[in-house]
Amino acid sequence: MAMAFFKYEYFKLNSTNFPYAHLADKRTQHWLLVESFGDVVALVTLYLLLVRYLPKWMQRRKPFQMKPLMLLYNFLMALLNAHICKELLFNGIRSKYNFWCQPSRELYTKEELRIAAAVWWFYFSKLLEFADTIFFILRKKREQLTFLHVYHHGTMFPLWWIAIKWVPTGSTIIPSVTNSFIHVIMYSYYGLSALGPSVQKFLWWKKYLTALQLI
């Protein structure tokens, strides 16, 4: 009976009867992980289950040494966020966006579609960022696995699903430009710091990272 209820609720999340579905932006509806909120719920649930049970699995194991993977991941994330920031900013300027308040309109110009694509990549990057948490657990960095960390990662992905489904252009670019720019700096720092003490001593801007993230 419980399984039947779960299946009913899951398909209900996938249906066109989802609240305000008729207002969804038609440009993005058939893009990966946009049409169905059920997929988002499933991925966030998997993330939370890993947060709950993976540390228990690691209790009897030594921390994983993941330097090459961490270097690759951090630099690729820095490049992805740089691409997102560039696409949003340049195409917003070309479209003569008002960066204080810009309505989201269903326009099919080259610039508007590139903005929507960049917002989708920003949304998808929130799924990729689940890896931050997994790396903390596998490296046994328990002090970094805080409630705030898990809350942030667990909510950003579904929140940006709302953006890409209903408002993939317009003023949506303002927080995504800001956040992606901060993430370029953040992932660049993490990538460089993974190179070891010989490089870490030159990373004088570490103390400003928290302030930038708060902004």
Protein backbone atom coordinates (compact mmCIF):
# COMPACT_ATOMS: atom_id res chain seq x y z
CA MET A 1 0.00 0.00 0.00
CA ALA A 2 2.86 2.37 0.88
CA MET A 3 4.52 1.59 -2.46
CA ALA A 4 1.29 2.28 -4.30
CA PHE A 5 0.99 5.64 -2.51
CA PHE A 6 4.61 6.50 -3.39
CA LYS A 7 4.04 5.65 -7.06
CA TYR A 8 0.85 7.72 -7.08
CA GLU A 9 2.60 10.72 -5.55
CA TYR A 10 5.62 10.34 -7.83
CA PHE A 11 3.54 10.33 -11.00
CA LYS A 12 1.44 13.14 -9.60
CA LEU A 13 4.65 15.20 -9.40
CA ASN A 14 5.30 14.35 -13.04
CA SER A 15 1.84 15.23 -14.28
CA THR A 16 0.68 18.36 -16.04
CA ASN A 17 -1.58 18.98 -13.03
CA PHE A 18 1.41 20.22 -11.04
CA PRO A 19 0.51 23.64 -9.51
CA TYR A 20 1.00 26.48 -12.03
CA ALA A 21 2.24 24.05 -14.70
CA HIS A 22 0.33 26.07 -17.31
CA LEU A 23 2.57 29.07 -16.54
CA ALA A 24 5.84 27.18 -17.07
CA ASP A 25 8.22 28.59 -19.68
CA LYS A 26 7.76 26.59 -22.89
CA ARG A 27 11.38 27.05 -23.98
CA THR A 28 12.86 24.79 -21.31
CA GLN A 29 10.18 22.17 -20.58
CA HIS A 30 11.80 19.30 -22.47
CA TRP A 31 15.33 19.96 -21.27
CA LEU A 32 17.01 17.41 -19.01
CA LEU A 33 15.61 17.33 -15.42
CA VAL A 34 13.18 20.20 -16.03
CA GLU A 35 9.81 18.66 -16.81
CA SER A 36 9.54 16.43 -13.74
CA PHE A 37 9.74 17.52 -10.12
CA GLY A 38 9.67 13.83 -9.22
CA ASP A 39 13.22 13.46 -10.58
CA VAL A 40 14.38 16.37 -8.42
CA VAL A 41 12.78 14.84 -5.31
CA ALA A 42 14.40 11.47 -6.07
CA LEU A 43 17.89 12.99 -6.48
CA VAL A 44 17.63 15.10 -3.31
CA THR A 45 16.37 12.05 -1.40
CA LEU A 46 19.36 10.03 -2.65
CA TYR A 47 21.67 12.84 -1.56
CA LEU A 48 20.19 12.93 1.95
CA LEU A 49 20.40 9.13 2.24
CA LEU A 50 24.10 9.28 1.33
CA VAL A 51 24.63 11.99 3.96
CA ARG A 52 22.90 9.76 6.51
CA TYR A 53 24.47 6.38 5.75
CA LEU A 54 27.77 6.95 3.94
CA PRO A 55 29.55 8.24 7.11
CA LYS A 56 28.56 4.98 8.87
CA TRP A 57 30.07 2.99 6.02
CA MET A 58 33.26 5.04 6.36
CA GLN A 59 33.62 4.48 10.11
CA ARG A 60 35.71 1.31 9.67
CA ARG A 61 37.67 2.64 6.71
CA LYS A 62 40.59 4.99 6.24
CA PRO A 63 40.03 8.34 4.52
CA PHE A 64 40.29 8.16 0.75
CA GLN A 65 43.20 9.98 -0.88
CA MET A 66 41.52 11.85 -3.72
CA LYS A 67 43.99 14.54 -4.76
CA PRO A 68 43.89 13.97 -8.58
CA LEU A 69 40.09 13.71 -8.59
CA MET A 70 39.73 16.79 -6.36
CA LEU A 71 42.02 18.80 -8.64
CA LEU A 72 40.04 17.79 -11.74
CA TYR A 73 36.65 18.38 -10.10
CA ASN A 74 37.49 21.81 -8.68
CA PHE A 75 39.07 23.17 -11.85
CA LEU A 76 36.23 21.84 -14.04
CA MET A 77 33.68 23.43 -11.70
CA ALA A 78 35.59 26.72 -11.84
CA LEU A 79 35.56 26.58 -15.66
CA LEU A 80 31.85 25.69 -15.76
CA ASN A 81 30.96 28.61 -13.50
CA ALA A 82 33.15 30.96 -15.54
CA HIS A 83 31.27 29.89 -18.68
CA ILE A 84 27.89 30.42 -16.97
CA CYS A 85 28.90 33.86 -15.69
CA LYS A 86 30.22 34.94 -19.10
CA GLU A 87 27.15 33.71 -21.00
CA LEU A 88 24.68 35.38 -18.64
CA LEU A 89 26.54 38.68 -18.45
CA PHE A 90 27.42 39.10 -22.14
CA ASN A 91 24.03 38.00 -23.48
CA GLY A 92 22.22 40.09 -20.87
CA ILE A 93 24.16 43.14 -22.04
CA ARG A 94 23.50 42.31 -25.72
CA SER A 95 19.79 41.99 -24.94
CA LYS A 96 19.88 45.39 -23.19
CA TYR A 97 18.76 43.87 -19.89
CA ASN A 98 17.84 46.11 -17.00
CA PHE A 99 19.95 44.47 -14.29
CA TRP A 100 17.75 45.95 -11.55
CA CYS A 101 14.50 44.44 -12.80
CA GLN A 102 14.05 42.49 -16.02
CA PRO A 103 10.86 40.52 -16.81
CA SER A 104 11.18 36.95 -18.05
CA ARG A 105 9.56 36.85 -21.49
CA GLU A 106 9.28 33.88 -23.84
CA LEU A 107 11.49 35.28 -26.56
CA TYR A 108 13.35 33.01 -28.97
CA THR A 109 16.25 35.27 -29.89
CA LYS A 110 19.74 33.79 -29.92
CA GLU A 111 20.71 35.79 -26.80
CA GLU A 112 17.61 34.81 -24.81
CA LEU A 113 18.08 31.12 -25.59
CA ARG A 114 21.74 31.32 -24.57
CA ILE A 115 20.71 32.94 -21.28
CA ALA A 116 18.18 30.14 -20.67
CA ALA A 117 20.85 27.53 -21.50
CA ALA A 118 23.28 29.14 -19.05
CA VAL A 119 20.61 29.16 -16.32
CA TRP A 120 20.04 25.45 -17.03
CA TRP A 121 23.78 24.78 -16.58
CA PHE A 122 23.66 26.78 -13.35
CA TYR A 123 20.73 24.62 -12.18
CA PHE A 124 22.56 21.43 -13.21
CA SER A 125 25.71 22.61 -11.41
CA LYS A 126 23.72 22.46 -8.15
CA LEU A 127 23.34 18.73 -8.74
CA LEU A 128 27.05 18.38 -9.49
CA GLU A 129 27.82 20.20 -6.24
CA PHE A 130 26.40 17.27 -4.27
CA ALA A 131 29.90 15.88 -4.90
CA ASP A 132 31.28 18.47 -2.43
CA THR A 133 29.49 16.64 0.37
CA ILE A 134 30.47 13.18 -0.85
CA PHE A 135 34.14 14.22 -0.96
CA PHE A 136 33.94 15.51 2.64
CA ILE A 137 32.54 12.16 3.77
CA LEU A 138 34.99 9.99 1.83
CA ARG A 139 37.93 12.08 3.12
CA LYS A 140 36.47 12.01 6.65
CA LYS A 141 36.28 15.80 6.92
CA ARG A 142 33.41 15.56 9.39
CA GLU A 143 33.95 19.09 10.75
CA GLN A 144 32.95 20.45 7.32
CA LEU A 145 29.79 18.35 7.12
CA THR A 146 27.63 20.87 9.00
CA PHE A 147 23.86 21.26 9.01
CA LEU A 148 24.26 24.52 7.08
CA HIS A 149 26.32 22.76 4.40
CA VAL A 150 23.75 19.97 3.91
CA TYR A 151 20.80 22.39 4.08
CA HIS A 152 22.39 24.64 1.46
CA HIS A 153 23.13 21.85 -1.01
CA GLY A 154 19.84 20.05 -0.37
CA THR A 155 17.73 23.15 -1.12
CA MET A 156 19.62 24.90 -3.93
CA PHE A 157 18.88 22.18 -6.50
CA PRO A 158 15.06 22.21 -6.09
CA LEU A 159 15.00 26.01 -5.79
CA TRP A 160 16.78 26.40 -9.12
CA TRP A 161 14.41 23.85 -10.66
CA ILE A 162 11.71 26.46 -10.02
CA ALA A 163 13.82 29.07 -11.82
CA ILE A 164 14.62 26.99 -14.90
CA LYS A 165 11.02 25.79 -15.20
CA TRP A 166 9.25 29.12 -14.81
CA VAL A 167 11.72 32.01 -15.11
CA PRO A 168 14.83 30.87 -17.05
CA THR A 169 15.57 34.41 -18.24
CA GLY A 170 15.00 37.95 -16.95
CA SER A 171 16.08 38.92 -13.43
CA THR A 172 16.95 35.29 -12.71
CA ILE A 173 20.38 36.07 -14.16
CA ILE A 174 21.26 38.49 -11.32
CA PRO A 175 21.69 35.89 -8.51
CA SER A 176 23.12 33.34 -10.95
CA VAL A 177 25.78 35.76 -12.28
CA THR A 178 26.74 36.70 -8.72
CA ASN A 179 26.81 33.12 -7.45
CA SER A 180 28.68 31.71 -10.44
CA PHE A 181 31.32 34.46 -10.15
CA ILE A 182 31.84 33.62 -6.46
CA HIS A 183 32.07 29.93 -7.37
CA VAL A 184 34.83 30.62 -9.89
CA ILE A 185 36.91 32.08 -7.06
CA MET A 186 35.85 29.39 -4.57
CA TYR A 187 36.57 26.36 -6.77
CA SER A 188 39.81 27.91 -8.01
CA TYR A 189 40.90 28.25 -4.39
CA TYR A 190 39.91 24.67 -3.54
CA GLY A 191 41.73 23.36 -6.62
CA LEU A 192 44.91 25.30 -5.86
CA SER A 193 44.85 24.40 -2.16
CA ALA A 194 44.63 20.71 -3.12
CA LEU A 195 48.13 21.07 -4.61
CA GLY A 196 49.52 21.14 -1.06
CA PRO A 197 51.37 23.43 1.39
CA SER A 198 53.81 24.69 -1.25
CA VAL A 199 50.91 26.43 -3.03
CA GLN A 200 48.63 27.09 -0.04
CA LYS A 201 51.01 29.68 1.43
CA PHE A 202 50.38 31.91 -1.60
CA LEU A 203 46.58 31.78 -1.27
CA TRP A 204 46.31 35.03 0.67
CA TRP A 205 42.71 35.52 -0.40
CA LYS A 206 41.40 32.58 1.63
CA LYS A 207 40.18 34.92 4.40
CA TYR A 208 37.93 36.76 1.95
CA LEU A 209 36.17 33.63 0.68
CA THR A 210 33.59 33.48 3.47
CA ALA A 211 32.72 37.16 3.07
CA LEU A 212 32.28 36.66 -0.70
CA GLN A 213 30.06 33.61 -0.15
CA LEU A 214 27.89 35.56 2.30
CA ILE A 215 27.49 38.35 -0.26
